[in-house]
Amino acid sequence: GQIRAGGTKIVMTTHNLGQAKRLGEEILFLYQGRLLERTPVD
């Protein structure tokens, strides 16, 4: 959060859905190598 507040763009993978909700603003959803969704996190 501190790094982002300084103006750095964050791109992150996680296996934790709670963390994705806490830290994410948009979701890229991959399935079998294909990008199926790019959507606001909520």
PDB file of all heavy atoms in Angstrom:
ATOM      1  N   GLY A   1       0.808  -1.209   0.000  1.00  0.00           N
ATOM      2  CA  GLY A   1       0.000   0.000   0.000  1.00  0.00           C
ATOM      3  C   GLY A   1       0.846   1.266   0.000  1.00  0.00           C
ATOM      4  O   GLY A   1       0.518   2.244  -0.680  1.00  0.00           O
ATOM      5  N   GLN A   2       1.955   1.242   0.742  1.00  0.00           N
ATOM      6  CA  GLN A   2       2.855   2.393   0.767  1.00  0.00           C
ATOM      7  C   GLN A   2       3.485   2.622  -0.610  1.00  0.00           C
ATOM      8  O   GLN A   2       3.607   3.767  -1.070  1.00  0.00           O
ATOM      9  CB  GLN A   2       3.963   2.168   1.796  1.00  0.00           C
ATOM     10  CG  GLN A   2       3.514   2.189   3.240  1.00  0.00           C
ATOM     11  CD  GLN A   2       4.654   1.842   4.171  1.00  0.00           C
ATOM     12  OE1 GLN A   2       5.158   0.716   4.186  1.00  0.00           O
ATOM     13  NE2 GLN A   2       5.077   2.806   4.971  1.00  0.00           N
ATOM     14  N   ILE A   3       3.898   1.539  -1.238  1.00  0.00           N
ATOM     15  CA  ILE A   3       4.516   1.660  -2.567  1.00  0.00           C
ATOM     16  C   ILE A   3       3.514   2.227  -3.562  1.00  0.00           C
ATOM     17  O   ILE A   3       3.827   3.110  -4.360  1.00  0.00           O
ATOM     18  CB  ILE A   3       5.060   0.296  -3.031  1.00  0.00           C
ATOM     19  CG1 ILE A   3       6.198  -0.164  -2.107  1.00  0.00           C
ATOM     20  CG2 ILE A   3       5.554   0.366  -4.477  1.00  0.00           C
ATOM     21  CD1 ILE A   3       6.679  -1.584  -2.365  1.00  0.00           C
ATOM     22  N   ARG A   4       2.286   1.739  -3.507  1.00  0.00           N
ATOM     23  CA  ARG A   4       1.246   2.236  -4.412  1.00  0.00           C
ATOM     24  C   ARG A   4       0.960   3.709  -4.143  1.00  0.00           C
ATOM     25  O   ARG A   4       0.769   4.504  -5.078  1.00  0.00           O
ATOM     26  CB  ARG A   4      -0.031   1.395  -4.257  1.00  0.00           C
ATOM     27  CG  ARG A   4      -1.205   1.923  -5.062  1.00  0.00           C
ATOM     28  CD  ARG A   4      -0.873   2.045  -6.526  1.00  0.00           C
ATOM     29  NE  ARG A   4      -1.896   2.789  -7.258  1.00  0.00           N
ATOM     30  CZ  ARG A   4      -1.670   3.493  -8.358  1.00  0.00           C
ATOM     31  NH1 ARG A   4      -0.456   3.576  -8.858  1.00  0.00           N
ATOM     32  NH2 ARG A   4      -2.651   4.125  -8.958  1.00  0.00           N
ATOM     33  N   ALA A   5       0.954   4.096  -2.864  1.00  0.00           N
ATOM     34  CA  ALA A   5       0.676   5.487  -2.514  1.00  0.00           C
ATOM     35  C   ALA A   5       1.731   6.428  -3.080  1.00  0.00           C
ATOM     36  O   ALA A   5       1.454   7.613  -3.312  1.00  0.00           O
ATOM     37  CB  ALA A   5       0.596   5.640  -0.992  1.00  0.00           C
ATOM     38  N   GLY A   6       2.929   5.905  -3.337  1.00  0.00           N
ATOM     39  CA  GLY A   6       3.988   6.700  -3.929  1.00  0.00           C
ATOM     40  C   GLY A   6       3.887   6.830  -5.435  1.00  0.00           C
ATOM     41  O   GLY A   6       4.744   7.473  -6.051  1.00  0.00           O
ATOM     42  N   GLY A   7       2.871   6.199  -6.033  1.00  0.00           N
ATOM     43  CA  GLY A   7       2.635   6.358  -7.464  1.00  0.00           C
ATOM     44  C   GLY A   7       3.003   5.174  -8.329  1.00  0.00           C
ATOM     45  O   GLY A   7       2.894   5.240  -9.553  1.00  0.00           O
ATOM     46  N   THR A   8       3.436   4.071  -7.709  1.00  0.00           N
ATOM     47  CA  THR A   8       3.819   2.881  -8.481  1.00  0.00           C
ATOM     48  C   THR A   8       2.589   2.043  -8.817  1.00  0.00           C
ATOM     49  O   THR A   8       1.766   1.751  -7.945  1.00  0.00           O
ATOM     50  CB  THR A   8       4.818   2.023  -7.691  1.00  0.00           C
ATOM     51  OG1 THR A   8       6.022   2.762  -7.485  1.00  0.00           O
ATOM     52  CG2 THR A   8       5.159   0.735  -8.433  1.00  0.00           C
ATOM     53  N   LYS A   9       2.466   1.653 -10.057  1.00  0.00           N
ATOM     54  CA  LYS A   9       1.411   0.730 -10.486  1.00  0.00           C
ATOM     55  C   LYS A   9       1.707  -0.657  -9.933  1.00  0.00           C
ATOM     56  O   LYS A   9       2.827  -1.156 -10.043  1.00  0.00           O
ATOM     57  CB  LYS A   9       1.361   0.684 -12.012  1.00  0.00           C
ATOM     58  CG  LYS A   9       0.544  -0.464 -12.598  1.00  0.00           C
ATOM     59  CD  LYS A   9      -0.949  -0.223 -12.496  1.00  0.00           C
ATOM     60  CE  LYS A   9      -1.715  -1.341 -13.205  1.00  0.00           C
ATOM     61  NZ  LYS A   9      -3.160  -1.076 -13.258  1.00  0.00           N
ATOM     62  N   ILE A  10       0.715  -1.307  -9.336  1.00  0.00           N
ATOM     63  CA  ILE A  10       0.860  -2.649  -8.776  1.00  0.00           C
ATOM     64  C   ILE A  10       0.123  -3.651  -9.659  1.00  0.00           C
ATOM     65  O   ILE A  10      -1.057  -3.477  -9.955  1.00  0.00           O
ATOM     66  CB  ILE A  10       0.294  -2.724  -7.343  1.00  0.00           C
ATOM     67  CG1 ILE A  10       1.016  -1.736  -6.415  1.00  0.00           C
ATOM     68  CG2 ILE A  10       0.388  -4.162  -6.819  1.00  0.00           C
ATOM     69  CD1 ILE A  10       2.483  -2.015  -6.204  1.00  0.00           C
ATOM     70  N   VAL A  11       0.847  -4.700 -10.083  1.00  0.00           N
ATOM     71  CA  VAL A  11       0.251  -5.843 -10.778  1.00  0.00           C
ATOM     72  C   VAL A  11       0.660  -7.079  -9.985  1.00  0.00           C
ATOM     73  O   VAL A  11       1.847  -7.350  -9.825  1.00  0.00           O
ATOM     74  CB  VAL A  11       0.733  -5.952 -12.234  1.00  0.00           C
ATOM     75  CG1 VAL A  11       0.063  -7.142 -12.924  1.00  0.00           C
ATOM     76  CG2 VAL A  11       0.456  -4.670 -13.005  1.00  0.00           C
ATOM     77  N   MET A  12      -0.313  -7.843  -9.511  1.00  0.00           N
ATOM     78  CA  MET A  12      -0.020  -8.875  -8.517  1.00  0.00           C
ATOM     79  C   MET A  12      -0.837 -10.132  -8.757  1.00  0.00           C
ATOM     80  O   MET A  12      -2.016 -10.064  -9.118  1.00  0.00           O
ATOM     81  CB  MET A  12      -0.326  -8.299  -7.127  1.00  0.00           C
ATOM     82  CG  MET A  12      -0.216  -9.258  -5.968  1.00  0.00           C
ATOM     83  SD  MET A  12      -0.514  -8.352  -4.408  1.00  0.00           S
ATOM     84  CE  MET A  12      -0.771  -9.736  -3.292  1.00  0.00           C
ATOM     85  N   THR A  13      -0.212 -11.277  -8.554  1.00  0.00           N
ATOM     86  CA  THR A  13      -0.947 -12.538  -8.508  1.00  0.00           C
ATOM     87  C   THR A  13      -1.118 -12.948  -7.054  1.00  0.00           C
ATOM     88  O   THR A  13      -0.286 -12.652  -6.196  1.00  0.00           O
ATOM     89  CB  THR A  13      -0.205 -13.665  -9.251  1.00  0.00           C
ATOM     90  OG1 THR A  13       1.013 -13.987  -8.562  1.00  0.00           O
ATOM     91  CG2 THR A  13       0.109 -13.277 -10.688  1.00  0.00           C
ATOM     92  N   THR A  14      -2.213 -13.620  -6.769  1.00  0.00           N
ATOM     93  CA  THR A  14      -2.443 -14.162  -5.438  1.00  0.00           C
ATOM     94  C   THR A  14      -3.380 -15.351  -5.556  1.00  0.00           C
ATOM     95  O   THR A  14      -4.164 -15.455  -6.503  1.00  0.00           O
ATOM     96  CB  THR A  14      -3.037 -13.114  -4.485  1.00  0.00           C
ATOM     97  OG1 THR A  14      -3.209 -13.703  -3.181  1.00  0.00           O
ATOM     98  CG2 THR A  14      -4.386 -12.599  -4.966  1.00  0.00           C
ATOM     99  N   HIS A  15      -3.295 -16.256  -4.574  1.00  0.00           N
ATOM    100  CA  HIS A  15      -4.252 -17.358  -4.507  1.00  0.00           C
ATOM    101  C   HIS A  15      -5.294 -17.086  -3.429  1.00  0.00           C
ATOM    102  O   HIS A  15      -6.181 -17.906  -3.185  1.00  0.00           O
ATOM    103  CB  HIS A  15      -3.525 -18.672  -4.195  1.00  0.00           C
ATOM    104  CG  HIS A  15      -2.911 -18.691  -2.820  1.00  0.00           C
ATOM    105  ND1 HIS A  15      -1.704 -18.095  -2.549  1.00  0.00           N
ATOM    106  CD2 HIS A  15      -3.346 -19.207  -1.650  1.00  0.00           C
ATOM    107  CE1 HIS A  15      -1.410 -18.257  -1.268  1.00  0.00           C
ATOM    108  NE2 HIS A  15      -2.399 -18.914  -0.698  1.00  0.00           N
ATOM    109  N   ASN A  16      -5.190 -15.933  -2.776  1.00  0.00           N
ATOM    110  CA  ASN A  16      -6.019 -15.589  -1.624  1.00  0.00           C
ATOM    111  C   ASN A  16      -7.113 -14.614  -2.062  1.00  0.00           C
ATOM    112  O   ASN A  16      -6.832 -13.446  -2.354  1.00  0.00           O
ATOM    113  CB  ASN A  16      -5.110 -14.963  -0.551  1.00  0.00           C
ATOM    114  CG  ASN A  16      -5.844 -14.658   0.741  1.00  0.00           C
ATOM    115  OD1 ASN A  16      -6.989 -14.226   0.730  1.00  0.00           O
ATOM    116  ND2 ASN A  16      -5.167 -14.865   1.851  1.00  0.00           N
ATOM    117  N   LEU A  17      -8.350 -15.075  -2.090  1.00  0.00           N
ATOM    118  CA  LEU A  17      -9.443 -14.213  -2.554  1.00  0.00           C
ATOM    119  C   LEU A  17      -9.687 -13.040  -1.609  1.00  0.00           C
ATOM    120  O   LEU A  17     -10.032 -11.943  -2.055  1.00  0.00           O
ATOM    121  CB  LEU A  17     -10.727 -15.024  -2.726  1.00  0.00           C
ATOM    122  CG  LEU A  17     -10.727 -16.092  -3.815  1.00  0.00           C
ATOM    123  CD1 LEU A  17     -12.132 -16.655  -3.995  1.00  0.00           C
ATOM    124  CD2 LEU A  17     -10.198 -15.553  -5.126  1.00  0.00           C
ATOM    125  N   GLY A  18      -9.501 -13.264  -0.314  1.00  0.00           N
ATOM    126  CA  GLY A  18      -9.636 -12.163   0.634  1.00  0.00           C
ATOM    127  C   GLY A  18      -8.602 -11.084   0.359  1.00  0.00           C
ATOM    128  O   GLY A  18      -8.910  -9.888   0.414  1.00  0.00           O
ATOM    129  N   GLN A  19      -7.390 -11.488   0.072  1.00  0.00           N
ATOM    130  CA  GLN A  19      -6.335 -10.530  -0.252  1.00  0.00           C
ATOM    131  C   GLN A  19      -6.645  -9.794  -1.550  1.00  0.00           C
ATOM    132  O   GLN A  19      -6.408  -8.588  -1.666  1.00  0.00           O
ATOM    133  CB  GLN A  19      -5.000 -11.253  -0.365  1.00  0.00           C
ATOM    134  CG  GLN A  19      -3.811 -10.341  -0.583  1.00  0.00           C
ATOM    135  CD  GLN A  19      -2.510 -11.124  -0.558  1.00  0.00           C
ATOM    136  OE1 GLN A  19      -2.236 -11.907  -1.469  1.00  0.00           O
ATOM    137  NE2 GLN A  19      -1.726 -10.928   0.489  1.00  0.00           N
ATOM    138  N   ALA A  20      -7.168 -10.521  -2.525  1.00  0.00           N
ATOM    139  CA  ALA A  20      -7.549  -9.882  -3.788  1.00  0.00           C
ATOM    140  C   ALA A  20      -8.577  -8.788  -3.549  1.00  0.00           C
ATOM    141  O   ALA A  20      -8.516  -7.708  -4.152  1.00  0.00           O
ATOM    142  CB  ALA A  20      -8.095 -10.927  -4.760  1.00  0.00           C
ATOM    143  N   LYS A  21      -9.537  -9.034  -2.656  1.00  0.00           N
ATOM    144  CA  LYS A  21     -10.553  -8.029  -2.338  1.00  0.00           C
ATOM    145  C   LYS A  21      -9.945  -6.844  -1.599  1.00  0.00           C
ATOM    146  O   LYS A  21     -10.328  -5.700  -1.833  1.00  0.00           O
ATOM    147  CB  LYS A  21     -11.669  -8.654  -1.503  1.00  0.00           C
ATOM    148  CG  LYS A  21     -12.505  -9.688  -2.237  1.00  0.00           C
ATOM    149  CD  LYS A  21     -13.523 -10.323  -1.305  1.00  0.00           C
ATOM    150  CE  LYS A  21     -14.351 -11.389  -2.000  1.00  0.00           C
ATOM    151  NZ  LYS A  21     -15.312 -12.036  -1.076  1.00  0.00           N
ATOM    152  N   ARG A  22      -8.986  -7.133  -0.689  1.00  0.00           N
ATOM    153  CA  ARG A  22      -8.380  -6.051   0.091  1.00  0.00           C
ATOM    154  C   ARG A  22      -7.485  -5.160  -0.757  1.00  0.00           C
ATOM    155  O   ARG A  22      -7.489  -3.933  -0.619  1.00  0.00           O
ATOM    156  CB  ARG A  22      -7.547  -6.626   1.245  1.00  0.00           C
ATOM    157  CG  ARG A  22      -8.331  -7.234   2.375  1.00  0.00           C
ATOM    158  CD  ARG A  22      -7.455  -7.508   3.576  1.00  0.00           C
ATOM    159  NE  ARG A  22      -6.368  -8.431   3.310  1.00  0.00           N
ATOM    160  CZ  ARG A  22      -6.451  -9.747   3.376  1.00  0.00           C
ATOM    161  NH1 ARG A  22      -7.621 -10.319   3.662  1.00  0.00           N
ATOM    162  NH2 ARG A  22      -5.402 -10.524   3.142  1.00  0.00           N
ATOM    163  N   LEU A  23      -6.692  -5.761  -1.623  1.00  0.00           N
ATOM    164  CA  LEU A  23      -5.653  -5.021  -2.333  1.00  0.00           C
ATOM    165  C   LEU A  23      -6.025  -4.639  -3.757  1.00  0.00           C
ATOM    166  O   LEU A  23      -5.442  -3.732  -4.332  1.00  0.00           O
ATOM    167  CB  LEU A  23      -4.355  -5.834  -2.368  1.00  0.00           C
ATOM    168  CG  LEU A  23      -3.711  -6.185  -1.022  1.00  0.00           C
ATOM    169  CD1 LEU A  23      -2.370  -6.866  -1.262  1.00  0.00           C
ATOM    170  CD2 LEU A  23      -3.528  -4.957  -0.158  1.00  0.00           C
ATOM    171  N   GLY A  24      -6.972  -5.360  -4.346  1.00  0.00           N
ATOM    172  CA  GLY A  24      -7.250  -5.155  -5.756  1.00  0.00           C
ATOM    173  C   GLY A  24      -8.281  -4.086  -6.033  1.00  0.00           C
ATOM    174  O   GLY A  24      -9.158  -3.798  -5.207  1.00  0.00           O
ATOM    175  N   GLU A  25      -8.150  -3.491  -7.205  1.00  0.00           N
ATOM    176  CA  GLU A  25      -9.176  -2.583  -7.721  1.00  0.00           C
ATOM    177  C   GLU A  25      -9.752  -3.105  -9.031  1.00  0.00           C
ATOM    178  O   GLU A  25     -10.882  -2.790  -9.382  1.00  0.00           O
ATOM    179  CB  GLU A  25      -8.590  -1.183  -7.910  1.00  0.00           C
ATOM    180  CG  GLU A  25      -8.219  -0.531  -6.585  1.00  0.00           C
ATOM    181  CD  GLU A  25      -7.470   0.766  -6.779  1.00  0.00           C
ATOM    182  OE1 GLU A  25      -6.371   0.755  -7.375  1.00  0.00           O
ATOM    183  OE2 GLU A  25      -7.982   1.799  -6.317  1.00  0.00           O
ATOM    184  N   GLU A  26      -8.962  -3.910  -9.742  1.00  0.00           N
ATOM    185  CA  GLU A  26      -9.481  -4.615 -10.906  1.00  0.00           C
ATOM    186  C   GLU A  26      -8.909  -6.037 -10.908  1.00  0.00           C
ATOM    187  O   GLU A  26      -7.828  -6.291 -10.376  1.00  0.00           O
ATOM    188  CB  GLU A  26      -9.122  -3.902 -12.210  1.00  0.00           C
ATOM    189  CG  GLU A  26      -7.659  -3.960 -12.587  1.00  0.00           C
ATOM    190  CD  GLU A  26      -7.406  -3.504 -14.019  1.00  0.00           C
ATOM    191  OE1 GLU A  26      -8.360  -3.202 -14.754  1.00  0.00           O
ATOM    192  OE2 GLU A  26      -6.219  -3.485 -14.410  1.00  0.00           O
ATOM    193  N   ILE A  27      -9.663  -6.951 -11.494  1.00  0.00           N
ATOM    194  CA  ILE A  27      -9.278  -8.358 -11.572  1.00  0.00           C
ATOM    195  C   ILE A  27      -9.064  -8.745 -13.021  1.00  0.00           C
ATOM    196  O   ILE A  27      -9.905  -8.462 -13.891  1.00  0.00           O
ATOM    197  CB  ILE A  27     -10.358  -9.278 -10.962  1.00  0.00           C
ATOM    198  CG1 ILE A  27     -10.606  -8.949  -9.486  1.00  0.00           C
ATOM    199  CG2 ILE A  27      -9.969 -10.740 -11.139  1.00  0.00           C
ATOM    200  CD1 ILE A  27      -9.438  -9.203  -8.569  1.00  0.00           C
ATOM    201  N   LEU A  28      -7.938  -9.400 -13.290  1.00  0.00           N
ATOM    202  CA  LEU A  28      -7.736 -10.107 -14.550  1.00  0.00           C
ATOM    203  C   LEU A  28      -7.900 -11.587 -14.231  1.00  0.00           C
ATOM    204  O   LEU A  28      -7.165 -12.129 -13.406  1.00  0.00           O
ATOM    205  CB  LEU A  28      -6.334  -9.864 -15.117  1.00  0.00           C
ATOM    206  CG  LEU A  28      -5.895  -8.422 -15.366  1.00  0.00           C
ATOM    207  CD1 LEU A  28      -4.520  -8.403 -16.020  1.00  0.00           C
ATOM    208  CD2 LEU A  28      -6.899  -7.693 -16.228  1.00  0.00           C
ATOM    209  N   PHE A  29      -8.862 -12.238 -14.882  1.00  0.00           N
ATOM    210  CA  PHE A  29      -9.110 -13.654 -14.607  1.00  0.00           C
ATOM    211  C   PHE A  29      -8.625 -14.497 -15.772  1.00  0.00           C
ATOM    212  O   PHE A  29      -9.097 -14.349 -16.909  1.00  0.00           O
ATOM    213  CB  PHE A  29     -10.600 -13.915 -14.366  1.00  0.00           C
ATOM    214  CG  PHE A  29     -10.902 -15.363 -14.085  1.00  0.00           C
ATOM    215  CD1 PHE A  29     -10.521 -15.940 -12.885  1.00  0.00           C
ATOM    216  CD2 PHE A  29     -11.544 -16.150 -15.030  1.00  0.00           C
ATOM    217  CE1 PHE A  29     -10.778 -17.289 -12.627  1.00  0.00           C
ATOM    218  CE2 PHE A  29     -11.808 -17.487 -14.787  1.00  0.00           C
ATOM    219  CZ  PHE A  29     -11.424 -18.057 -13.579  1.00  0.00           C
ATOM    220  N   LEU A  30      -7.668 -15.380 -15.473  1.00  0.00           N
ATOM    221  CA  LEU A  30      -7.104 -16.279 -16.473  1.00  0.00           C
ATOM    222  C   LEU A  30      -7.666 -17.680 -16.295  1.00  0.00           C
ATOM    223  O   LEU A  30      -7.819 -18.162 -15.159  1.00  0.00           O
ATOM    224  CB  LEU A  30      -5.581 -16.354 -16.347  1.00  0.00           C
ATOM    225  CG  LEU A  30      -4.718 -15.163 -16.773  1.00  0.00           C
ATOM    226  CD1 LEU A  30      -3.250 -15.528 -16.592  1.00  0.00           C
ATOM    227  CD2 LEU A  30      -4.995 -14.759 -18.207  1.00  0.00           C
ATOM    228  N   TYR A  31      -7.917 -18.326 -17.415  1.00  0.00           N
ATOM    229  CA  TYR A  31      -8.352 -19.725 -17.385  1.00  0.00           C
ATOM    230  C   TYR A  31      -7.759 -20.427 -18.602  1.00  0.00           C
ATOM    231  O   TYR A  31      -7.975 -19.995 -19.735  1.00  0.00           O
ATOM    232  CB  TYR A  31      -9.880 -19.824 -17.402  1.00  0.00           C
ATOM    233  CG  TYR A  31     -10.388 -21.238 -17.321  1.00  0.00           C
ATOM    234  CD1 TYR A  31     -10.291 -21.962 -16.138  1.00  0.00           C
ATOM    235  CD2 TYR A  31     -10.942 -21.854 -18.440  1.00  0.00           C
ATOM    236  CE1 TYR A  31     -10.751 -23.269 -16.062  1.00  0.00           C
ATOM    237  CE2 TYR A  31     -11.407 -23.159 -18.370  1.00  0.00           C
ATOM    238  CZ  TYR A  31     -11.307 -23.872 -17.185  1.00  0.00           C
ATOM    239  OH  TYR A  31     -11.746 -25.164 -17.107  1.00  0.00           O
ATOM    240  N   GLN A  32      -6.967 -21.462 -18.331  1.00  0.00           N
ATOM    241  CA  GLN A  32      -6.303 -22.219 -19.397  1.00  0.00           C
ATOM    242  C   GLN A  32      -5.545 -21.302 -20.352  1.00  0.00           C
ATOM    243  O   GLN A  32      -5.578 -21.466 -21.568  1.00  0.00           O
ATOM    244  CB  GLN A  32      -7.320 -23.087 -20.145  1.00  0.00           C
ATOM    245  CG  GLN A  32      -7.931 -24.170 -19.272  1.00  0.00           C
ATOM    246  CD  GLN A  32      -8.904 -25.063 -20.009  1.00  0.00           C
ATOM    247  OE1 GLN A  32      -9.306 -24.787 -21.151  1.00  0.00           O
ATOM    248  NE2 GLN A  32      -9.286 -26.164 -19.373  1.00  0.00           N
ATOM    249  N   GLY A  33      -4.873 -20.325 -19.768  1.00  0.00           N
ATOM    250  CA  GLY A  33      -4.036 -19.432 -20.546  1.00  0.00           C
ATOM    251  C   GLY A  33      -4.761 -18.312 -21.263  1.00  0.00           C
ATOM    252  O   GLY A  33      -4.120 -17.471 -21.913  1.00  0.00           O
ATOM    253  N   ARG A  34      -6.073 -18.260 -21.148  1.00  0.00           N
ATOM    254  CA  ARG A  34      -6.856 -17.222 -21.825  1.00  0.00           C
ATOM    255  C   ARG A  34      -7.351 -16.184 -20.811  1.00  0.00           C
ATOM    256  O   ARG A  34      -7.721 -16.533 -19.694  1.00  0.00           O
ATOM    257  CB  ARG A  34      -8.056 -17.843 -22.549  1.00  0.00           C
ATOM    258  CG  ARG A  34      -7.664 -18.737 -23.726  1.00  0.00           C
ATOM    259  CD  ARG A  34      -8.880 -19.382 -24.350  1.00  0.00           C
ATOM    260  NE  ARG A  34      -9.465 -20.392 -23.467  1.00  0.00           N
ATOM    261  CZ  ARG A  34     -10.719 -20.378 -23.033  1.00  0.00           C
ATOM    262  NH1 ARG A  34     -11.542 -19.405 -23.407  1.00  0.00           N
ATOM    263  NH2 ARG A  34     -11.157 -21.336 -22.244  1.00  0.00           N
ATOM    264  N   LEU A  35      -7.355 -14.943 -21.219  1.00  0.00           N
ATOM    265  CA  LEU A  35      -7.886 -13.870 -20.384  1.00  0.00           C
ATOM    266  C   LEU A  35      -9.395 -13.801 -20.604  1.00  0.00           C
ATOM    267  O   LEU A  35      -9.869 -13.323 -21.634  1.00  0.00           O
ATOM    268  CB  LEU A  35      -7.226 -12.537 -20.759  1.00  0.00           C
ATOM    269  CG  LEU A  35      -7.687 -11.307 -19.966  1.00  0.00           C
ATOM    270  CD1 LEU A  35      -7.412 -11.478 -18.478  1.00  0.00           C
ATOM    271  CD2 LEU A  35      -7.016 -10.051 -20.507  1.00  0.00           C
ATOM    272  N   LEU A  36     -10.146 -14.301 -19.613  1.00  0.00           N
ATOM    273  CA  LEU A  36     -11.602 -14.364 -19.754  1.00  0.00           C
ATOM    274  C   LEU A  36     -12.294 -13.106 -19.258  1.00  0.00           C
ATOM    275  O   LEU A  36     -13.370 -12.754 -19.756  1.00  0.00           O
ATOM    276  CB  LEU A  36     -12.155 -15.573 -18.997  1.00  0.00           C
ATOM    277  CG  LEU A  36     -11.765 -16.960 -19.510  1.00  0.00           C
ATOM    278  CD1 LEU A  36     -12.615 -18.015 -18.803  1.00  0.00           C
ATOM    279  CD2 LEU A  36     -11.921 -17.072 -21.016  1.00  0.00           C
ATOM    280  N   GLU A  37     -11.724 -12.449 -18.252  1.00  0.00           N
ATOM    281  CA  GLU A  37     -12.390 -11.267 -17.697  1.00  0.00           C
ATOM    282  C   GLU A  37     -11.370 -10.221 -17.281  1.00  0.00           C
ATOM    283  O   GLU A  37     -10.280 -10.554 -16.806  1.00  0.00           O
ATOM    284  CB  GLU A  37     -13.232 -11.638 -16.469  1.00  0.00           C
ATOM    285  CG  GLU A  37     -14.400 -12.555 -16.761  1.00  0.00           C
ATOM    286  CD  GLU A  37     -15.374 -12.630 -15.600  1.00  0.00           C
ATOM    287  OE1 GLU A  37     -15.612 -11.589 -14.951  1.00  0.00           O
ATOM    288  OE2 GLU A  37     -15.884 -13.728 -15.337  1.00  0.00           O
ATOM    289  N   ARG A  38     -11.728  -8.977 -17.452  1.00  0.00           N
ATOM    290  CA  ARG A  38     -11.038  -7.850 -16.844  1.00  0.00           C
ATOM    291  C   ARG A  38     -12.120  -6.945 -16.286  1.00  0.00           C
ATOM    292  O   ARG A  38     -12.830  -6.272 -17.027  1.00  0.00           O
ATOM    293  CB  ARG A  38     -10.182  -7.108 -17.859  1.00  0.00           C
ATOM    294  CG  ARG A  38      -9.382  -5.972 -17.232  1.00  0.00           C
ATOM    295  CD  ARG A  38      -8.399  -5.351 -18.201  1.00  0.00           C
ATOM    296  NE  ARG A  38      -7.465  -4.491 -17.495  1.00  0.00           N
ATOM    297  CZ  ARG A  38      -6.383  -3.953 -18.058  1.00  0.00           C
ATOM    298  NH1 ARG A  38      -6.123  -4.182 -19.341  1.00  0.00           N
ATOM    299  NH2 ARG A  38      -5.581  -3.200 -17.347  1.00  0.00           N
ATOM    300  N   THR A  39     -12.243  -6.947 -14.949  1.00  0.00           N
ATOM    301  CA  THR A  39     -13.426  -6.398 -14.311  1.00  0.00           C
ATOM    302  C   THR A  39     -13.066  -5.700 -13.008  1.00  0.00           C
ATOM    303  O   THR A  39     -12.164  -6.160 -12.308  1.00  0.00           O
ATOM    304  CB  THR A  39     -14.408  -7.553 -13.979  1.00  0.00           C
ATOM    305  OG1 THR A  39     -14.515  -8.450 -15.084  1.00  0.00           O
ATOM    306  CG2 THR A  39     -15.777  -7.024 -13.620  1.00  0.00           C
ATOM    307  N   PRO A  40     -13.747  -4.611 -12.630  1.00  0.00           N
ATOM    308  CA  PRO A  40     -13.564  -4.045 -11.290  1.00  0.00           C
ATOM    309  C   PRO A  40     -13.772  -5.118 -10.228  1.00  0.00           C
ATOM    310  O   PRO A  40     -14.622  -6.003 -10.379  1.00  0.00           O
ATOM    311  CB  PRO A  40     -14.640  -2.958 -11.218  1.00  0.00           C
ATOM    312  CG  PRO A  40     -14.852  -2.555 -12.643  1.00  0.00           C
ATOM    313  CD  PRO A  40     -14.705  -3.824 -13.440  1.00  0.00           C
ATOM    314  N   VAL A  41     -13.016  -5.044  -9.144  1.00  0.00           N
ATOM    315  CA  VAL A  41     -12.994  -6.137  -8.170  1.00  0.00           C
ATOM    316  C   VAL A  41     -14.377  -6.410  -7.589  1.00  0.00           C
ATOM    317  O   VAL A  41     -14.772  -7.583  -7.450  1.00  0.00           O
ATOM    318  CB  VAL A  41     -11.957  -5.848  -7.060  1.00  0.00           C
ATOM    319  CG1 VAL A  41     -12.305  -4.594  -6.271  1.00  0.00           C
ATOM    320  CG2 VAL A  41     -11.801  -7.048  -6.140  1.00  0.00           C
ATOM    321  N   ASP A  42     -15.136  -5.386  -7.237  1.00  0.00           N
ATOM    322  CA  ASP A  42     -16.461  -5.605  -6.645  1.00  0.00           C
ATOM    323  C   ASP A  42     -17.388  -6.325  -7.621  1.00  0.00           C
ATOM    324  O   ASP A  42     -18.129  -7.235  -7.234  1.00  0.00           O
ATOM    325  CB  ASP A  42     -17.091  -4.279  -6.216  1.00  0.00           C
ATOM    326  CG  ASP A  42     -16.354  -3.650  -5.037  1.00  0.00           C
ATOM    327  OD1 ASP A  42     -15.601  -4.364  -4.361  1.00  0.00           O
ATOM    328  OD2 ASP A  42     -16.543  -2.433  -4.816  1.00  0.00           O
TER     329      ASP A  42
END
